[in-house]
Amino acid sequence: MKAVCVFCGSSFGRRLAYAAAARELGRVLVQRDITLVWGGGNVGLMGVVADAVLEHGGRAIGVIPRGLEERELSHRGATEVHVTASMHERKALMERLSDAFIALPGGFGTLDELCEILTWRQLGLHTKPIGLLDVERFFDPLVASFDHAVAEGFVREEQRSMLIRDDDAERLLTRLASQRT
């Protein structure tokens, strides 16, 4: 894996563990010589993971829609920034630039990106691995919802198994690397 896209919150959340996990993920990405692809923001967990990558000498490629970039939410220290016309273009470019995907805790935007990239894989538009860095069991309710969708016949088990979940950045990256096709 040369580049991993990280979806995460533009807020910090209420627990210090969220930012600590974002910093650790940034460190581990650099240690493994993996480029970060992210939403390009300098706020919340987005800023934390990018700052960690840059502080450790890594590459951070931001992808941000013009409307957010104009509001000065763009990370000015990024190695590279791509400005897109829309959120749809942003997600498509993030997918093209990445070899795998990781979601950290976040809100609607993070969940939107995660679900869209899962859907694209389900539809066969890509075969890249997708993981949850499950900090303090943040994703328990979401995973329970996915499992419920399987039990109710809306998602097939093999589709559900596309999502790898771990609470440790090192292990998650190892597991994602082993899933590459």
N, C-alpha and C. Protein backbone atom coordinates (compact mmCIF):
# COMPACT_ATOMS: atom_id res chain seq x y z
N MET A 1 0.85 -1.18 0.00
CA MET A 1 0.00 0.00 0.00
C MET A 1 0.89 1.23 0.00
N LYS A 2 0.63 2.09 -0.95
CA LYS A 2 1.41 3.33 -1.04
C LYS A 2 0.66 4.53 -0.49
N ALA A 3 -0.68 4.48 -0.55
CA ALA A 3 -1.49 5.61 -0.08
C ALA A 3 -2.77 5.10 0.57
N VAL A 4 -3.07 5.64 1.74
CA VAL A 4 -4.28 5.29 2.47
C VAL A 4 -5.11 6.55 2.68
N CYS A 5 -6.39 6.46 2.32
CA CYS A 5 -7.32 7.56 2.55
C CYS A 5 -7.92 7.41 3.94
N VAL A 6 -7.88 8.48 4.71
CA VAL A 6 -8.46 8.47 6.06
C VAL A 6 -9.67 9.40 6.08
N PHE A 7 -10.81 8.84 6.43
CA PHE A 7 -12.03 9.61 6.65
C PHE A 7 -12.13 9.85 8.16
N CYS A 8 -12.37 11.09 8.57
CA CYS A 8 -12.47 11.37 10.00
C CYS A 8 -13.13 12.71 10.23
N GLY A 9 -13.42 12.98 11.48
CA GLY A 9 -14.18 14.15 11.85
C GLY A 9 -13.45 15.47 11.67
N SER A 10 -14.23 16.50 11.39
CA SER A 10 -13.71 17.86 11.36
C SER A 10 -13.84 18.49 12.75
N SER A 11 -14.25 17.68 13.71
CA SER A 11 -14.28 18.05 15.13
C SER A 11 -13.36 17.09 15.87
N PHE A 12 -13.10 17.40 17.14
CA PHE A 12 -12.23 16.54 17.95
C PHE A 12 -13.01 15.46 18.69
N GLY A 13 -14.32 15.64 18.85
CA GLY A 13 -15.09 14.73 19.68
C GLY A 13 -14.85 15.03 21.15
N ARG A 14 -15.51 14.28 22.00
CA ARG A 14 -15.45 14.54 23.44
C ARG A 14 -14.33 13.81 24.16
N ARG A 15 -13.73 12.82 23.51
CA ARG A 15 -12.71 12.01 24.19
C ARG A 15 -11.32 12.32 23.63
N LEU A 16 -10.37 12.47 24.51
CA LEU A 16 -8.99 12.72 24.10
C LEU A 16 -8.43 11.55 23.29
N ALA A 17 -8.98 10.36 23.50
CA ALA A 17 -8.50 9.17 22.80
C ALA A 17 -8.66 9.29 21.29
N TYR A 18 -9.64 10.05 20.83
CA TYR A 18 -9.85 10.18 19.39
C TYR A 18 -8.65 10.88 18.73
N ALA A 19 -8.23 12.00 19.30
CA ALA A 19 -7.07 12.72 18.76
C ALA A 19 -5.80 11.90 18.92
N ALA A 20 -5.67 11.20 20.04
CA ALA A 20 -4.49 10.35 20.25
C ALA A 20 -4.41 9.27 19.18
N ALA A 21 -5.54 8.68 18.84
CA ALA A 21 -5.56 7.64 17.80
C ALA A 21 -5.24 8.23 16.43
N ALA A 22 -5.72 9.43 16.15
CA ALA A 22 -5.42 10.09 14.87
C ALA A 22 -3.91 10.38 14.77
N ARG A 23 -3.31 10.86 15.87
CA ARG A 23 -1.87 11.10 15.88
C ARG A 23 -1.09 9.80 15.67
N GLU A 24 -1.51 8.76 16.36
CA GLU A 24 -0.82 7.46 16.23
C GLU A 24 -0.95 6.91 14.81
N LEU A 25 -2.13 7.02 14.22
CA LEU A 25 -2.30 6.56 12.85
C LEU A 25 -1.37 7.34 11.92
N GLY A 26 -1.28 8.65 12.10
CA GLY A 26 -0.36 9.44 11.29
C GLY A 26 1.08 8.97 11.42
N ARG A 27 1.50 8.71 12.65
CA ARG A 27 2.86 8.22 12.90
C ARG A 27 3.10 6.88 12.21
N VAL A 28 2.16 5.96 12.34
CA VAL A 28 2.30 4.62 11.77
C VAL A 28 2.31 4.69 10.24
N LEU A 29 1.50 5.55 9.66
CA LEU A 29 1.53 5.70 8.20
C LEU A 29 2.92 6.09 7.73
N VAL A 30 3.53 7.06 8.40
CA VAL A 30 4.87 7.51 8.00
C VAL A 30 5.88 6.39 8.23
N GLN A 31 5.78 5.71 9.36
CA GLN A 31 6.69 4.61 9.67
C GLN A 31 6.66 3.55 8.57
N ARG A 32 5.48 3.33 7.98
CA ARG A 32 5.33 2.34 6.91
C ARG A 32 5.49 2.93 5.52
N ASP A 33 5.90 4.19 5.44
CA ASP A 33 6.09 4.89 4.18
C ASP A 33 4.82 4.90 3.33
N ILE A 34 3.71 5.19 3.98
CA ILE A 34 2.40 5.28 3.33
C ILE A 34 1.97 6.74 3.31
N THR A 35 1.57 7.21 2.15
CA THR A 35 1.07 8.57 1.99
C THR A 35 -0.35 8.66 2.54
N LEU A 36 -0.63 9.74 3.24
CA LEU A 36 -1.98 10.03 3.70
C LEU A 36 -2.74 10.77 2.60
N VAL A 37 -3.94 10.30 2.32
CA VAL A 37 -4.90 11.03 1.49
C VAL A 37 -6.05 11.34 2.44
N TRP A 38 -6.45 12.60 2.52
CA TRP A 38 -7.52 12.97 3.43
C TRP A 38 -8.27 14.16 2.90
N GLY A 39 -9.31 14.55 3.60
CA GLY A 39 -10.20 15.60 3.15
C GLY A 39 -9.61 16.98 3.06
N GLY A 40 -8.34 17.15 3.39
CA GLY A 40 -7.65 18.40 3.19
C GLY A 40 -7.83 19.45 4.27
N GLY A 41 -8.64 19.15 5.29
CA GLY A 41 -8.92 20.14 6.31
C GLY A 41 -7.85 20.25 7.38
N ASN A 42 -7.86 21.40 8.04
CA ASN A 42 -6.91 21.64 9.13
C ASN A 42 -7.60 21.62 10.49
N VAL A 43 -8.85 21.20 10.52
CA VAL A 43 -9.65 21.24 11.75
C VAL A 43 -9.94 19.83 12.26
N GLY A 44 -10.18 19.72 13.56
CA GLY A 44 -10.58 18.46 14.17
C GLY A 44 -9.58 17.33 13.94
N LEU A 45 -10.11 16.11 13.87
CA LEU A 45 -9.25 14.95 13.67
C LEU A 45 -8.56 14.99 12.32
N MET A 46 -9.20 15.66 11.35
CA MET A 46 -8.56 15.81 10.03
C MET A 46 -7.22 16.52 10.17
N GLY A 47 -7.21 17.61 10.92
CA GLY A 47 -5.97 18.35 11.13
C GLY A 47 -4.97 17.56 11.95
N VAL A 48 -5.45 16.82 12.94
CA VAL A 48 -4.55 16.04 13.80
C VAL A 48 -3.80 14.98 13.01
N VAL A 49 -4.51 14.20 12.20
CA VAL A 49 -3.84 13.13 11.45
C VAL A 49 -2.88 13.71 10.42
N ALA A 50 -3.26 14.80 9.75
CA ALA A 50 -2.37 15.43 8.78
C ALA A 50 -1.13 16.01 9.46
N ASP A 51 -1.34 16.71 10.57
CA ASP A 51 -0.20 17.28 11.31
C ASP A 51 0.77 16.19 11.74
N ALA A 52 0.25 15.06 12.21
CA ALA A 52 1.11 13.96 12.66
C ALA A 52 1.94 13.42 11.50
N VAL A 53 1.31 13.24 10.35
CA VAL A 53 2.04 12.75 9.18
C VAL A 53 3.14 13.73 8.81
N LEU A 54 2.81 15.00 8.75
CA LEU A 54 3.79 16.02 8.35
C LEU A 54 4.90 16.18 9.39
N GLU A 55 4.56 16.12 10.66
CA GLU A 55 5.57 16.25 11.72
C GLU A 55 6.57 15.11 11.69
N HIS A 56 6.14 13.93 11.21
CA HIS A 56 7.03 12.78 11.14
C HIS A 56 7.70 12.65 9.76
N GLY A 57 7.54 13.68 8.92
CA GLY A 57 8.23 13.70 7.64
C GLY A 57 7.53 12.97 6.51
N GLY A 58 6.24 12.70 6.66
CA GLY A 58 5.50 11.97 5.64
C GLY A 58 4.83 12.89 4.64
N ARG A 59 4.11 12.25 3.71
CA ARG A 59 3.36 12.97 2.67
C ARG A 59 1.89 12.98 3.03
N ALA A 60 1.27 14.14 2.85
CA ALA A 60 -0.16 14.31 3.13
C ALA A 60 -0.80 15.01 1.94
N ILE A 61 -1.68 14.29 1.25
CA ILE A 61 -2.37 14.82 0.08
C ILE A 61 -3.81 15.13 0.45
N GLY A 62 -4.15 16.41 0.43
CA GLY A 62 -5.49 16.85 0.77
C GLY A 62 -6.36 16.98 -0.47
N VAL A 63 -7.64 16.64 -0.29
CA VAL A 63 -8.62 16.78 -1.36
C VAL A 63 -9.81 17.53 -0.76
N ILE A 64 -10.01 18.76 -1.20
CA ILE A 64 -11.01 19.61 -0.56
C ILE A 64 -11.88 20.31 -1.61
N PRO A 65 -13.18 20.36 -1.37
CA PRO A 65 -14.05 21.10 -2.30
C PRO A 65 -13.79 22.61 -2.19
N ARG A 66 -13.96 23.29 -3.30
CA ARG A 66 -13.68 24.73 -3.36
C ARG A 66 -14.40 25.51 -2.25
N GLY A 67 -15.64 25.18 -1.98
CA GLY A 67 -16.39 25.91 -0.96
C GLY A 67 -15.75 25.84 0.42
N LEU A 68 -15.18 24.69 0.77
CA LEU A 68 -14.50 24.57 2.07
C LEU A 68 -13.13 25.24 2.02
N GLU A 69 -12.46 25.12 0.90
CA GLU A 69 -11.15 25.74 0.75
C GLU A 69 -11.27 27.26 0.86
N GLU A 70 -12.34 27.81 0.30
CA GLU A 70 -12.55 29.26 0.35
C GLU A 70 -12.85 29.75 1.76
N ARG A 71 -13.38 28.86 2.61
CA ARG A 71 -13.64 29.23 4.01
C ARG A 71 -12.38 29.10 4.86
N GLU A 72 -11.24 28.88 4.21
CA GLU A 72 -9.94 28.77 4.87
C GLU A 72 -9.87 27.60 5.82
N LEU A 73 -10.53 26.49 5.46
CA LEU A 73 -10.42 25.27 6.25
C LEU A 73 -9.34 24.35 5.70
N SER A 74 -8.73 24.74 4.59
CA SER A 74 -7.71 23.93 3.95
C SER A 74 -6.42 23.94 4.77
N HIS A 75 -5.78 22.80 4.88
CA HIS A 75 -4.52 22.67 5.60
C HIS A 75 -3.42 23.27 4.74
N ARG A 76 -2.81 24.33 5.20
CA ARG A 76 -1.80 25.05 4.41
C ARG A 76 -0.45 24.35 4.36
N GLY A 77 -0.23 23.36 5.23
CA GLY A 77 1.06 22.67 5.23
C GLY A 77 1.07 21.38 4.45
N ALA A 78 -0.03 21.04 3.80
CA ALA A 78 -0.13 19.77 3.07
C ALA A 78 0.95 19.67 1.99
N THR A 79 1.38 18.46 1.74
CA THR A 79 2.35 18.19 0.69
C THR A 79 1.76 18.58 -0.66
N GLU A 80 0.48 18.30 -0.80
CA GLU A 80 -0.22 18.52 -2.06
C GLU A 80 -1.69 18.75 -1.71
N VAL A 81 -2.35 19.67 -2.41
CA VAL A 81 -3.78 19.90 -2.20
C VAL A 81 -4.47 19.91 -3.55
N HIS A 82 -5.53 19.13 -3.66
CA HIS A 82 -6.37 19.13 -4.86
C HIS A 82 -7.69 19.80 -4.47
N VAL A 83 -8.08 20.81 -5.21
CA VAL A 83 -9.34 21.50 -4.96
C VAL A 83 -10.34 21.02 -6.01
N THR A 84 -11.48 20.51 -5.53
CA THR A 84 -12.50 19.97 -6.43
C THR A 84 -13.70 20.91 -6.47
N ALA A 85 -14.53 20.72 -7.47
CA ALA A 85 -15.72 21.55 -7.62
C ALA A 85 -16.84 21.12 -6.68
N SER A 86 -16.83 19.86 -6.26
CA SER A 86 -17.94 19.36 -5.44
C SER A 86 -17.48 18.25 -4.50
N MET A 87 -18.37 17.89 -3.58
CA MET A 87 -18.10 16.77 -2.67
C MET A 87 -18.03 15.47 -3.47
N HIS A 88 -18.85 15.33 -4.49
CA HIS A 88 -18.83 14.11 -5.31
C HIS A 88 -17.46 13.94 -5.98
N GLU A 89 -16.96 15.02 -6.55
CA GLU A 89 -15.64 14.96 -7.18
C GLU A 89 -14.56 14.68 -6.15
N ARG A 90 -14.71 15.22 -4.96
CA ARG A 90 -13.75 14.99 -3.88
C ARG A 90 -13.64 13.51 -3.58
N LYS A 91 -14.79 12.85 -3.37
CA LYS A 91 -14.77 11.43 -3.02
C LYS A 91 -14.20 10.59 -4.15
N ALA A 92 -14.54 10.92 -5.39
CA ALA A 92 -14.02 10.16 -6.52
C ALA A 92 -12.50 10.29 -6.62
N LEU A 93 -11.98 11.49 -6.41
CA LEU A 93 -10.53 11.69 -6.47
C LEU A 93 -9.84 10.99 -5.31
N MET A 94 -10.41 11.08 -4.12
CA MET A 94 -9.82 10.39 -2.97
C MET A 94 -9.73 8.89 -3.25
N GLU A 95 -10.76 8.34 -3.87
CA GLU A 95 -10.74 6.90 -4.20
C GLU A 95 -9.63 6.61 -5.19
N ARG A 96 -9.49 7.42 -6.22
CA ARG A 96 -8.46 7.18 -7.24
C ARG A 96 -7.04 7.27 -6.68
N LEU A 97 -6.83 8.17 -5.73
CA LEU A 97 -5.49 8.39 -5.17
C LEU A 97 -5.08 7.35 -4.13
N SER A 98 -6.01 6.51 -3.69
CA SER A 98 -5.78 5.66 -2.51
C SER A 98 -5.76 4.18 -2.86
N ASP A 99 -5.03 3.44 -2.03
CA ASP A 99 -4.96 1.98 -2.14
C ASP A 99 -5.81 1.28 -1.09
N ALA A 100 -6.23 2.02 -0.08
CA ALA A 100 -7.06 1.49 1.01
C ALA A 100 -7.70 2.66 1.73
N PHE A 101 -8.66 2.35 2.60
CA PHE A 101 -9.43 3.38 3.30
C PHE A 101 -9.54 3.02 4.78
N ILE A 102 -9.45 4.05 5.62
CA ILE A 102 -9.64 3.88 7.07
C ILE A 102 -10.57 4.99 7.54
N ALA A 103 -11.55 4.62 8.34
CA ALA A 103 -12.40 5.61 9.00
C ALA A 103 -12.04 5.68 10.47
N LEU A 104 -11.80 6.88 10.94
CA LEU A 104 -11.69 7.21 12.36
C LEU A 104 -13.04 7.76 12.79
N PRO A 105 -13.25 7.98 14.07
CA PRO A 105 -14.51 8.59 14.50
C PRO A 105 -14.79 9.91 13.78
N GLY A 106 -16.06 10.16 13.55
CA GLY A 106 -16.48 11.38 12.88
C GLY A 106 -17.99 11.44 12.81
N GLY A 107 -18.49 12.43 12.12
CA GLY A 107 -19.92 12.66 12.02
C GLY A 107 -20.49 12.22 10.68
N PHE A 108 -21.49 12.96 10.23
CA PHE A 108 -22.20 12.60 9.00
C PHE A 108 -21.28 12.51 7.79
N GLY A 109 -20.35 13.45 7.66
CA GLY A 109 -19.44 13.43 6.51
C GLY A 109 -18.59 12.17 6.49
N THR A 110 -18.06 11.80 7.64
CA THR A 110 -17.25 10.58 7.75
C THR A 110 -18.08 9.36 7.40
N LEU A 111 -19.29 9.30 7.95
CA LEU A 111 -20.17 8.16 7.68
C LEU A 111 -20.57 8.11 6.21
N ASP A 112 -20.81 9.27 5.62
CA ASP A 112 -21.13 9.34 4.19
C ASP A 112 -19.98 8.78 3.36
N GLU A 113 -18.77 9.22 3.64
CA GLU A 113 -17.62 8.76 2.88
C GLU A 113 -17.41 7.27 3.05
N LEU A 114 -17.50 6.79 4.29
CA LEU A 114 -17.34 5.37 4.56
C LEU A 114 -18.40 4.54 3.82
N CYS A 115 -19.65 4.93 3.94
CA CYS A 115 -20.72 4.15 3.31
C CYS A 115 -20.62 4.21 1.79
N GLU A 116 -20.23 5.35 1.25
CA GLU A 116 -20.10 5.43 -0.21
C GLU A 116 -18.98 4.53 -0.70
N ILE A 117 -17.84 4.53 -0.02
CA ILE A 117 -16.72 3.71 -0.48
C ILE A 117 -17.05 2.23 -0.30
N LEU A 118 -17.80 1.88 0.74
CA LEU A 118 -18.28 0.50 0.90
C LEU A 118 -19.23 0.12 -0.24
N THR A 119 -20.12 1.02 -0.57
CA THR A 119 -21.07 0.77 -1.66
C THR A 119 -20.34 0.59 -2.98
N TRP A 120 -19.35 1.43 -3.24
CA TRP A 120 -18.59 1.30 -4.49
C TRP A 120 -17.90 -0.06 -4.55
N ARG A 121 -17.39 -0.52 -3.41
CA ARG A 121 -16.76 -1.85 -3.41
C ARG A 121 -17.81 -2.93 -3.61
N GLN A 122 -18.94 -2.81 -2.95
CA GLN A 122 -20.03 -3.77 -3.10
C GLN A 122 -20.44 -3.88 -4.58
N LEU A 123 -20.45 -2.76 -5.28
CA LEU A 123 -20.84 -2.73 -6.68
C LEU A 123 -19.71 -3.14 -7.63
N GLY A 124 -18.53 -3.39 -7.08
CA GLY A 124 -17.40 -3.80 -7.90
C GLY A 124 -16.67 -2.66 -8.58
N LEU A 125 -16.89 -1.43 -8.12
CA LEU A 125 -16.21 -0.28 -8.72
C LEU A 125 -14.75 -0.18 -8.27
N HIS A 126 -14.42 -0.85 -7.18
CA HIS A 126 -13.03 -0.99 -6.73
C HIS A 126 -12.95 -2.24 -5.86
N THR A 127 -11.73 -2.68 -5.58
CA THR A 127 -11.51 -3.86 -4.73
C THR A 127 -10.57 -3.53 -3.57
N LYS A 128 -10.48 -2.27 -3.22
CA LYS A 128 -9.54 -1.82 -2.20
C LYS A 128 -10.08 -2.12 -0.80
N PRO A 129 -9.19 -2.46 0.15
CA PRO A 129 -9.63 -2.77 1.51
C PRO A 129 -10.11 -1.52 2.27
N ILE A 130 -11.05 -1.77 3.19
CA ILE A 130 -11.68 -0.69 3.96
C ILE A 130 -11.68 -1.09 5.43
N GLY A 131 -11.25 -0.17 6.29
CA GLY A 131 -11.19 -0.49 7.71
C GLY A 131 -11.73 0.61 8.60
N LEU A 132 -12.10 0.18 9.79
CA LEU A 132 -12.50 1.09 10.87
C LEU A 132 -11.41 1.05 11.93
N LEU A 133 -10.86 2.22 12.28
CA LEU A 133 -9.99 2.31 13.45
C LEU A 133 -10.93 2.63 14.61
N ASP A 134 -11.30 1.60 15.32
CA ASP A 134 -12.40 1.67 16.29
C ASP A 134 -11.93 2.12 17.66
N VAL A 135 -11.81 3.42 17.81
CA VAL A 135 -11.31 4.04 19.04
C VAL A 135 -12.40 4.00 20.10
N GLU A 136 -12.08 3.39 21.23
CA GLU A 136 -13.00 3.34 22.39
C GLU A 136 -14.39 2.83 21.99
N ARG A 137 -14.40 1.89 21.04
CA ARG A 137 -15.64 1.23 20.59
C ARG A 137 -16.64 2.23 19.98
N PHE A 138 -16.11 3.30 19.41
CA PHE A 138 -16.95 4.33 18.80
C PHE A 138 -17.91 3.74 17.76
N PHE A 139 -17.43 2.77 17.00
CA PHE A 139 -18.22 2.24 15.89
C PHE A 139 -19.16 1.10 16.27
N ASP A 140 -19.26 0.75 17.56
CA ASP A 140 -20.17 -0.33 17.97
C ASP A 140 -21.59 -0.16 17.41
N PRO A 141 -22.22 1.00 17.56
CA PRO A 141 -23.59 1.13 17.03
C PRO A 141 -23.67 0.98 15.51
N LEU A 142 -22.69 1.50 14.80
CA LEU A 142 -22.69 1.37 13.34
C LEU A 142 -22.52 -0.09 12.92
N VAL A 143 -21.58 -0.77 13.54
CA VAL A 143 -21.36 -2.18 13.23
C VAL A 143 -22.60 -3.01 13.57
N ALA A 144 -23.25 -2.68 14.68
CA ALA A 144 -24.49 -3.37 15.04
C ALA A 144 -25.56 -3.14 13.97
N SER A 145 -25.62 -1.94 13.43
CA SER A 145 -26.57 -1.64 12.37
C SER A 145 -26.24 -2.46 11.11
N PHE A 146 -24.98 -2.54 10.76
CA PHE A 146 -24.59 -3.34 9.60
C PHE A 146 -24.93 -4.81 9.82
N ASP A 147 -24.66 -5.31 11.02
CA ASP A 147 -24.99 -6.71 11.34
C ASP A 147 -26.50 -6.95 11.29
N HIS A 148 -27.25 -5.97 11.73
CA HIS A 148 -28.72 -6.06 11.66
C HIS A 148 -29.18 -6.11 10.20
N ALA A 149 -28.55 -5.32 9.34
CA ALA A 149 -28.89 -5.35 7.91
C ALA A 149 -28.61 -6.72 7.31
N VAL A 150 -27.55 -7.38 7.78
CA VAL A 150 -27.26 -8.75 7.33
C VAL A 150 -28.36 -9.69 7.82
N ALA A 151 -28.69 -9.61 9.11
CA ALA A 151 -29.70 -10.49 9.70
C ALA A 151 -31.07 -10.31 9.03
N GLU A 152 -31.34 -9.10 8.57
CA GLU A 152 -32.63 -8.82 7.95
C GLU A 152 -32.62 -9.02 6.43
N GLY A 153 -31.49 -9.48 5.89
CA GLY A 153 -31.43 -9.82 4.47
C GLY A 153 -31.18 -8.66 3.52
N PHE A 154 -30.69 -7.53 4.02
CA PHE A 154 -30.40 -6.39 3.15
C PHE A 154 -28.95 -6.32 2.71
N VAL A 155 -28.07 -6.97 3.45
CA VAL A 155 -26.65 -7.02 3.13
C VAL A 155 -26.22 -8.47 3.23
N ARG A 156 -25.46 -8.93 2.23
CA ARG A 156 -24.95 -10.30 2.28
C ARG A 156 -23.72 -10.35 3.21
N GLU A 157 -23.51 -11.46 3.84
CA GLU A 157 -22.41 -11.62 4.79
C GLU A 157 -21.06 -11.32 4.12
N GLU A 158 -20.88 -11.77 2.88
CA GLU A 158 -19.60 -11.51 2.21
C GLU A 158 -19.39 -10.01 1.96
N GLN A 159 -20.48 -9.28 1.79
CA GLN A 159 -20.36 -7.82 1.66
C GLN A 159 -20.03 -7.19 3.01
N ARG A 160 -20.66 -7.66 4.05
CA ARG A 160 -20.39 -7.15 5.40
C ARG A 160 -18.94 -7.39 5.79
N SER A 161 -18.40 -8.51 5.35
CA SER A 161 -17.02 -8.86 5.73
C SER A 161 -15.98 -8.00 5.00
N MET A 162 -16.42 -7.16 4.07
CA MET A 162 -15.48 -6.25 3.40
C MET A 162 -14.91 -5.22 4.38
N LEU A 163 -15.60 -4.98 5.47
CA LEU A 163 -15.20 -3.95 6.43
C LEU A 163 -14.39 -4.59 7.57
N ILE A 164 -13.13 -4.17 7.67
CA ILE A 164 -12.21 -4.70 8.69
C ILE A 164 -12.20 -3.73 9.86
N ARG A 165 -12.31 -4.27 11.05
CA ARG A 165 -12.40 -3.43 12.25
C ARG A 165 -11.30 -3.81 13.23
N ASP A 166 -10.59 -2.79 13.74
CA ASP A 166 -9.56 -3.02 14.74
C ASP A 166 -9.40 -1.75 15.57
N ASP A 167 -8.89 -1.90 16.79
CA ASP A 167 -8.68 -0.74 17.65
C ASP A 167 -7.21 -0.33 17.72
N ASP A 168 -6.38 -0.95 16.88
CA ASP A 168 -4.95 -0.66 16.88
C ASP A 168 -4.51 -0.33 15.44
N ALA A 169 -3.87 0.83 15.27
CA ALA A 169 -3.49 1.29 13.93
C ALA A 169 -2.54 0.32 13.23
N GLU A 170 -1.53 -0.16 13.95
CA GLU A 170 -0.56 -1.10 13.36
C GLU A 170 -1.26 -2.35 12.85
N ARG A 171 -2.07 -2.96 13.71
CA ARG A 171 -2.77 -4.20 13.32
C ARG A 171 -3.72 -3.95 12.16
N LEU A 172 -4.45 -2.82 12.22
CA LEU A 172 -5.40 -2.53 11.16
C LEU A 172 -4.69 -2.40 9.82
N LEU A 173 -3.58 -1.68 9.77
CA LEU A 173 -2.85 -1.52 8.52
C LEU A 173 -2.31 -2.86 8.01
N THR A 174 -1.86 -3.70 8.91
CA THR A 174 -1.39 -5.04 8.52
C THR A 174 -2.54 -5.84 7.93
N ARG A 175 -3.69 -5.79 8.57
CA ARG A 175 -4.85 -6.52 8.07
C ARG A 175 -5.31 -5.97 6.72
N LEU A 176 -5.31 -4.66 6.56
CA LEU A 176 -5.70 -4.06 5.28
C LEU A 176 -4.73 -4.50 4.18
N ALA A 177 -3.43 -4.48 4.48
CA ALA A 177 -2.43 -4.88 3.50
C ALA A 177 -2.62 -6.32 3.07
N SER A 178 -3.05 -7.18 3.99
CA SER A 178 -3.25 -8.59 3.65
C SER A 178 -4.50 -8.80 2.80
N GLN A 179 -5.40 -7.82 2.76
CA GLN A 179 -6.64 -7.90 1.99
C GLN A 179 -6.50 -7.33 0.59
N ARG A 180 -5.39 -6.71 0.29
CA ARG A 180 -5.23 -6.07 -1.03
C ARG A 180 -5.36 -7.10 -2.12
N THR A 181 -6.07 -6.71 -3.18
CA THR A 181 -6.27 -7.61 -4.31
C THR A 181 -5.58 -7.10 -5.55
